[in-house]
Amino acid sequence: MSNSYMKPLAETNLPNLIHRGKVRDTYDLGHGYLLMVATDRTSAFDVVLPTAIPQKGLVLSRLSAYWFDKTNQVVPNHFLALADDTDELAKLNELKDNHMLTDLSPEIASRAMVVRKAERIDIECVVRGYITGSAWAEYQANGTVGGDAMPSGMKDGDPFPKTLFTPTTKAEAGHDMPMSLQDVRDMVGNEMTLKLENVSREVYEFARDYAKVKGIIIADTKMEFGIIDSELILIDELLTPDSSRFWDASLYEPGKSQPNFDKQYVRDWLIASGWDREPPAPELPDEIVYKTRTRYIEAYERITGQAWANPVEKED
């Protein structure tokens, strides 16, 4: 089997690039609007991998758009329209004659969002409902998560007594680092720290309860926020398999690795490979690429209730 079964979109080359992140490329459309393109680039342990996951960007943009719509009742967000939604774009008068949008190829437009430009808060707002990953490693070593003592006898995958807010830095390169609440207060002040914590918890708990009905446990997630006209809003991506751990509720069993719908296949393979989590990362085997792509799509279908419109068969 070869990656030739679908050409991944690893990078874009449009004019007015203002930011290239680990996964997303952001372009200035003028008039306070941005175009955010979710590529097929993949990162793990804060390192961009040399292997892309075909159609991953499609899932990220469409699932983010879905969640932005669902959570707008909790907190406003920057999302305006998918770049291939001509009806919604027509409502944005300033962009009707924007050549960057009108000249977009279908491949790019299908995985891009038009959003409002915000002043980004450089904090990753991580919310945890279940102990796993780095939280489980810290607990095993110290009996704590985010520096706070946890109940004794917890197993990998157990729910926390209450939702935890464990923010990290937002690193442009290298690894994000844990932040205490005092670190956050020192950066943004007491009032904004309280807002970030409360809103992050509310969004996570809303999504956790919503997804549980669809057969998915959202174990944890990370969010980003920004400011527009003095108002706190959600930005970037939201509740995707890249930014969250999605577990199969029907097979959930604490004390073991959970069947998942995220990039845990990638993380597990990288750990087993002996990689030291520093660049450069190794190439992913085709089988891991295929399994990861399949699980991303299944997450989208379960959560939205919509069939994936771009099936790709595995080649032998």
Protein backbone atom coordinates (compact mmCIF):
# COMPACT_ATOMS: atom_id res chain seq x y z
CA MET A 1 0.00 0.00 0.00
CA SER A 2 1.29 3.46 -0.85
CA ASN A 3 0.49 7.05 0.06
CA SER A 4 -0.38 7.46 -3.61
CA TYR A 5 -4.00 6.58 -2.79
CA MET A 6 -4.53 10.29 -2.14
CA LYS A 7 -2.24 13.22 -2.71
CA PRO A 8 -2.04 15.13 0.59
CA LEU A 9 -2.12 18.91 0.73
CA ALA A 10 0.90 19.56 2.90
CA GLU A 11 1.50 23.22 2.11
CA THR A 12 -0.20 26.14 0.39
CA ASN A 13 1.33 28.99 -1.59
CA LEU A 14 -1.21 31.82 -1.69
CA PRO A 15 -0.40 35.53 -1.47
CA ASN A 16 -0.57 37.50 1.80
CA LEU A 17 0.62 34.70 4.09
CA ILE A 18 0.84 36.13 7.61
CA HIS A 19 1.35 32.97 9.67
CA ARG A 20 2.36 29.37 9.08
CA GLY A 21 1.58 27.17 12.07
CA LYS A 22 2.18 23.49 12.63
CA VAL A 23 -0.97 22.64 10.65
CA ARG A 24 -2.69 25.87 9.52
CA ASP A 25 -1.67 28.56 7.06
CA THR A 26 -3.28 31.97 7.65
CA TYR A 27 -3.71 34.68 5.03
CA ASP A 28 -4.87 38.28 5.30
CA LEU A 29 -7.99 39.00 3.23
CA GLY A 30 -8.23 42.63 4.30
CA HIS A 31 -11.15 44.40 6.01
CA GLY A 32 -10.49 42.50 9.24
CA TYR A 33 -10.91 39.04 7.67
CA LEU A 34 -8.52 36.09 7.50
CA LEU A 35 -8.41 32.90 5.45
CA MET A 36 -7.32 29.90 7.53
CA VAL A 37 -6.30 26.85 5.50
CA ALA A 38 -6.13 23.53 7.37
CA THR A 39 -3.43 21.57 5.57
CA ASP A 40 -2.79 17.85 5.83
CA ARG A 41 0.38 18.47 7.83
CA THR A 42 0.50 16.50 11.04
CA SER A 43 2.20 17.27 14.33
CA ALA A 44 2.84 15.16 17.39
CA PHE A 45 4.60 16.12 20.61
CA ASP A 46 4.74 19.66 19.19
CA VAL A 47 6.84 18.60 16.19
CA VAL A 48 5.64 18.73 12.57
CA LEU A 49 6.02 15.28 11.02
CA PRO A 50 7.42 14.70 7.53
CA THR A 51 4.36 12.61 6.59
CA ALA A 52 0.98 14.21 5.85
CA ILE A 53 -2.42 12.58 6.47
CA PRO A 54 -4.57 12.78 3.31
CA GLN A 55 -7.88 14.66 3.75
CA LYS A 56 -7.01 15.57 7.33
CA GLY A 57 -7.40 19.29 6.58
CA LEU A 58 -10.89 18.67 5.22
CA VAL A 59 -11.93 17.02 8.49
CA LEU A 60 -10.37 19.73 10.64
CA SER A 61 -12.02 22.65 8.84
CA ARG A 62 -15.46 21.04 8.61
CA LEU A 63 -15.54 19.69 12.13
CA SER A 64 -14.33 23.02 13.54
CA ALA A 65 -17.09 24.81 11.63
CA TYR A 66 -19.62 22.37 13.07
CA TRP A 67 -18.46 22.95 16.66
CA PHE A 68 -18.21 26.73 16.24
CA ASP A 69 -21.88 26.71 15.29
CA LYS A 70 -22.87 24.43 18.18
CA THR A 71 -20.94 26.33 20.86
CA ASN A 72 -21.83 29.85 19.77
CA GLN A 73 -24.43 29.83 22.55
CA VAL A 74 -21.62 29.39 25.09
CA VAL A 75 -19.08 31.89 23.72
CA PRO A 76 -18.79 33.85 20.44
CA ASN A 77 -16.15 32.79 17.94
CA HIS A 78 -14.28 34.05 14.88
CA PHE A 79 -15.86 31.70 12.30
CA LEU A 80 -17.81 33.26 9.41
CA ALA A 81 -17.97 30.72 6.57
CA LEU A 82 -16.26 27.79 4.94
CA ALA A 83 -14.37 29.08 1.91
CA ASP A 84 -16.41 26.93 -0.47
CA ASP A 85 -19.77 28.09 0.95
CA THR A 86 -20.64 30.65 -1.73
CA ASP A 87 -23.99 31.54 -0.15
CA GLU A 88 -22.43 32.54 3.18
CA LEU A 89 -19.49 34.31 1.53
CA ALA A 90 -21.93 36.39 -0.52
CA LYS A 91 -23.14 37.95 2.73
CA LEU A 92 -19.68 39.40 3.40
CA ASN A 93 -19.94 42.49 1.22
CA GLU A 94 -16.30 43.55 1.59
CA LEU A 95 -15.11 40.21 0.20
CA LYS A 96 -17.40 39.86 -2.83
CA ASP A 97 -14.63 40.88 -5.22
CA ASN A 98 -11.71 39.46 -3.25
CA HIS A 99 -9.53 37.75 -5.85
CA MET A 100 -7.88 35.45 -3.32
CA LEU A 101 -11.28 33.90 -2.58
CA THR A 102 -12.69 33.92 -6.11
CA ASP A 103 -9.51 32.32 -7.47
CA LEU A 104 -9.20 29.59 -4.83
CA SER A 105 -8.91 26.08 -6.20
CA PRO A 106 -11.62 23.67 -4.97
CA GLU A 107 -8.92 21.70 -3.16
CA ILE A 108 -7.92 24.72 -1.06
CA ALA A 109 -11.42 26.17 -0.63
CA SER A 110 -12.77 22.88 0.70
CA ARG A 111 -10.40 22.95 3.67
CA ALA A 112 -10.37 26.67 4.47
CA MET A 113 -12.37 28.95 6.73
CA VAL A 114 -13.02 32.68 6.47
CA VAL A 115 -12.77 34.14 9.97
CA ARG A 116 -12.67 37.47 11.76
CA LYS A 117 -9.22 38.76 12.67
CA ALA A 118 -8.62 38.77 16.43
CA GLU A 119 -5.85 39.73 18.83
CA ARG A 120 -4.68 36.27 19.89
CA ILE A 121 -4.07 35.41 23.54
CA ASP A 122 -0.88 33.34 23.54
CA ILE A 123 -2.13 30.60 25.85
CA GLU A 124 -3.28 27.06 25.05
CA CYS A 125 -6.38 26.53 27.19
CA VAL A 126 -6.24 22.82 27.93
CA VAL A 127 -9.24 21.18 29.60
CA ARG A 128 -9.17 17.61 30.91
CA GLY A 129 -12.10 15.42 31.86
CA TYR A 130 -10.19 12.12 32.04
CA ILE A 131 -6.67 11.25 33.11
CA THR A 132 -4.42 10.16 30.26
CA GLY A 133 -1.39 11.24 28.25
CA SER A 134 0.93 13.71 29.97
CA ALA A 135 -1.53 14.05 32.87
CA TRP A 136 -1.28 10.31 33.52
CA ALA A 137 2.54 10.48 33.35
CA GLU A 138 2.61 13.30 35.91
CA TYR A 139 0.19 11.45 38.17
CA GLN A 140 2.28 8.28 38.07
CA ALA A 141 5.38 10.25 39.00
CA ASN A 142 3.98 12.63 41.62
CA GLY A 143 0.31 11.89 42.31
CA THR A 144 -0.54 15.28 40.84
CA VAL A 145 -1.97 16.78 37.62
CA GLY A 146 -1.06 20.36 36.80
CA GLY A 147 0.69 20.46 40.17
CA ASP A 148 -2.54 19.70 42.09
CA ALA A 149 -2.93 16.54 44.17
CA MET A 150 -5.32 13.94 42.72
CA PRO A 151 -7.15 11.05 44.45
CA SER A 152 -5.02 7.97 45.05
CA GLY A 153 -5.61 4.79 43.06
CA MET A 154 -6.61 6.40 39.77
CA LYS A 155 -6.20 4.34 36.59
CA ASP A 156 -5.27 5.53 33.12
CA GLY A 157 -8.53 6.72 31.56
CA ASP A 158 -10.42 7.39 34.80
CA PRO A 159 -12.60 10.52 34.92
CA PHE A 160 -11.42 13.33 37.15
CA PRO A 161 -13.67 14.27 40.09
CA LYS A 162 -14.14 17.60 38.30
CA THR A 163 -13.02 19.10 35.00
CA LEU A 164 -9.43 20.38 35.14
CA PHE A 165 -8.03 23.53 33.50
CA THR A 166 -4.33 22.99 32.77
CA PRO A 167 -3.10 25.78 30.45
CA THR A 168 0.20 25.75 28.56
CA THR A 169 2.29 28.23 26.65
CA LYS A 170 1.61 28.73 22.94
CA ALA A 171 5.01 28.00 21.39
CA GLU A 172 5.71 29.05 17.80
CA ALA A 173 8.48 26.45 17.70
CA GLY A 174 9.38 23.66 20.07
CA HIS A 175 7.30 22.37 22.93
CA ASP A 176 4.41 24.04 24.76
CA MET A 177 5.18 24.29 28.47
CA PRO A 178 2.77 23.97 31.43
CA MET A 179 1.54 27.19 33.02
CA SER A 180 0.24 27.67 36.54
CA LEU A 181 -2.81 29.85 37.10
CA GLN A 182 -0.45 32.44 38.54
CA ASP A 183 1.56 32.35 35.30
CA VAL A 184 -1.67 33.05 33.40
CA ARG A 185 -2.61 35.87 35.80
CA ASP A 186 0.80 37.43 35.33
CA MET A 187 0.25 37.39 31.56
CA VAL A 188 -3.39 38.49 31.21
CA GLY A 189 -4.60 39.59 34.65
CA ASN A 190 -6.99 38.10 37.21
CA GLU A 191 -10.25 38.88 35.41
CA MET A 192 -9.18 37.44 32.06
CA THR A 193 -7.71 34.35 33.74
CA LEU A 194 -11.05 33.63 35.37
CA LYS A 195 -12.85 34.16 32.06
CA LEU A 196 -10.50 31.83 30.19
CA GLU A 197 -10.86 29.10 32.80
CA ASN A 198 -14.64 29.31 33.10
CA VAL A 199 -15.36 29.56 29.37
CA SER A 200 -12.92 26.75 28.55
CA ARG A 201 -14.66 24.48 31.06
CA GLU A 202 -18.11 25.42 29.74
CA VAL A 203 -17.19 24.71 26.12
CA TYR A 204 -15.57 21.39 27.01
CA GLU A 205 -18.45 20.24 29.22
CA PHE A 206 -21.03 21.18 26.58
CA ALA A 207 -19.09 19.26 23.92
CA ARG A 208 -18.41 16.31 26.24
CA ASP A 209 -22.11 15.85 26.94
CA TYR A 210 -23.04 16.38 23.28
CA ALA A 211 -20.49 13.87 21.97
CA LYS A 212 -21.32 11.25 24.61
CA VAL A 213 -24.76 10.86 23.04
CA LYS A 214 -23.00 10.21 19.71
CA GLY A 215 -20.88 7.42 21.24
CA ILE A 216 -17.69 9.45 21.71
CA ILE A 217 -15.96 10.39 24.95
CA ILE A 218 -13.98 13.62 24.69
CA ALA A 219 -11.22 12.93 27.19
CA ASP A 220 -9.51 16.31 26.84
CA THR A 221 -9.15 19.21 24.45
CA LYS A 222 -7.30 22.46 23.93
CA MET A 223 -8.68 25.80 22.80
CA GLU A 224 -7.37 29.20 21.80
CA PHE A 225 -8.98 32.57 22.42
CA GLY A 226 -8.62 36.09 21.11
CA ILE A 227 -10.08 39.55 21.54
CA ILE A 228 -12.26 41.46 19.07
CA ASP A 229 -13.71 44.83 20.15
CA SER A 230 -12.88 44.04 23.80
CA GLU A 231 -14.86 40.76 23.60
CA LEU A 232 -13.40 37.31 24.35
CA ILE A 233 -13.94 34.90 21.44
CA LEU A 234 -12.91 31.38 20.43
CA ILE A 235 -10.41 31.20 17.57
CA ASP A 236 -8.29 28.75 15.54
CA GLU A 237 -9.74 25.20 15.53
CA LEU A 238 -12.25 23.62 17.88
CA LEU A 239 -12.80 20.08 19.17
CA THR A 240 -11.09 18.23 16.33
CA PRO A 241 -9.14 14.95 16.42
CA ASP A 242 -5.99 17.13 16.31
CA SER A 243 -6.87 19.20 19.36
CA SER A 244 -8.76 16.56 21.39
CA ARG A 245 -8.72 12.95 22.47
CA PHE A 246 -11.84 11.15 21.20
CA TRP A 247 -12.55 7.70 22.67
CA ASP A 248 -15.09 5.07 21.65
CA ALA A 249 -17.66 5.16 24.47
CA SER A 250 -18.88 1.63 23.75
CA LEU A 251 -15.38 0.19 24.32
CA TYR A 252 -14.27 2.51 27.13
CA GLU A 253 -12.50 0.71 29.97
CA PRO A 254 -10.16 2.51 32.39
CA GLY A 255 -6.77 0.95 32.97
CA LYS A 256 -5.81 0.45 29.34
CA SER A 257 -5.28 2.33 26.09
CA GLN A 258 -8.69 3.43 24.84
CA PRO A 259 -9.96 2.75 21.29
CA ASN A 260 -9.81 6.22 19.78
CA PHE A 261 -10.80 8.51 16.91
CA ASP A 262 -7.82 10.85 17.01
CA LYS A 263 -4.08 10.77 16.28
CA GLN A 264 -3.25 8.31 19.05
CA TYR A 265 -2.22 5.81 16.36
CA VAL A 266 0.46 8.33 15.39
CA ARG A 267 1.56 9.00 18.98
CA ASP A 268 1.71 5.28 19.84
CA TRP A 269 3.78 4.44 16.77
CA LEU A 270 6.19 7.31 17.42
CA ILE A 271 6.68 6.25 21.04
CA ALA A 272 7.27 2.63 20.00
CA SER A 273 9.76 3.75 17.35
CA GLY A 274 12.07 5.12 20.03
CA TRP A 275 11.96 8.66 18.64
CA ASP A 276 13.24 11.21 21.20
CA ARG A 277 10.45 13.74 20.42
CA GLU A 278 12.90 16.23 18.95
CA PRO A 279 13.10 17.23 15.25
CA PRO A 280 13.44 15.65 12.82
CA ALA A 281 10.61 13.16 13.27
CA PRO A 282 10.57 9.84 11.39
CA GLU A 283 8.34 9.14 8.39
CA LEU A 284 5.06 7.42 9.27
CA PRO A 285 4.31 3.99 7.79
CA ASP A 286 1.47 3.88 5.25
CA GLU A 287 -0.63 1.71 7.56
CA ILE A 288 -0.52 4.32 10.35
CA VAL A 289 -1.42 7.06 7.86
CA TYR A 290 -4.41 5.08 6.59
CA LYS A 291 -5.69 4.15 10.05
CA THR A 292 -5.38 7.73 11.31
CA ARG A 293 -7.21 9.15 8.31
CA THR A 294 -9.99 6.56 8.69
CA ARG A 295 -10.49 7.36 12.37
CA TYR A 296 -10.58 11.12 11.74
CA ILE A 297 -13.36 10.61 9.22
CA GLU A 298 -15.27 8.30 11.57
CA ALA A 299 -15.09 10.96 14.29
CA TYR A 300 -16.56 13.49 11.87
CA GLU A 301 -19.37 11.15 10.85
CA ARG A 302 -20.28 10.17 14.41
CA ILE A 303 -20.31 13.69 15.79
CA THR A 304 -22.07 15.42 12.90
CA GLY A 305 -24.30 12.55 11.79
CA GLN A 306 -23.25 13.31 8.20
CA ALA A 307 -21.69 10.82 5.79
CA TRP A 308 -18.20 11.74 4.60
CA ALA A 309 -18.44 12.95 1.01
CA ASN A 310 -14.88 12.18 -0.07
CA PRO A 311 -14.27 8.44 0.41
CA VAL A 312 -10.90 7.04 -0.54
CA GLU A 313 -10.29 3.31 -0.67
CA LYS A 314 -7.15 1.73 0.70
CA GLU A 315 -4.82 0.36 -1.97
CA ASP A 316 -3.03 -2.96 -1.60
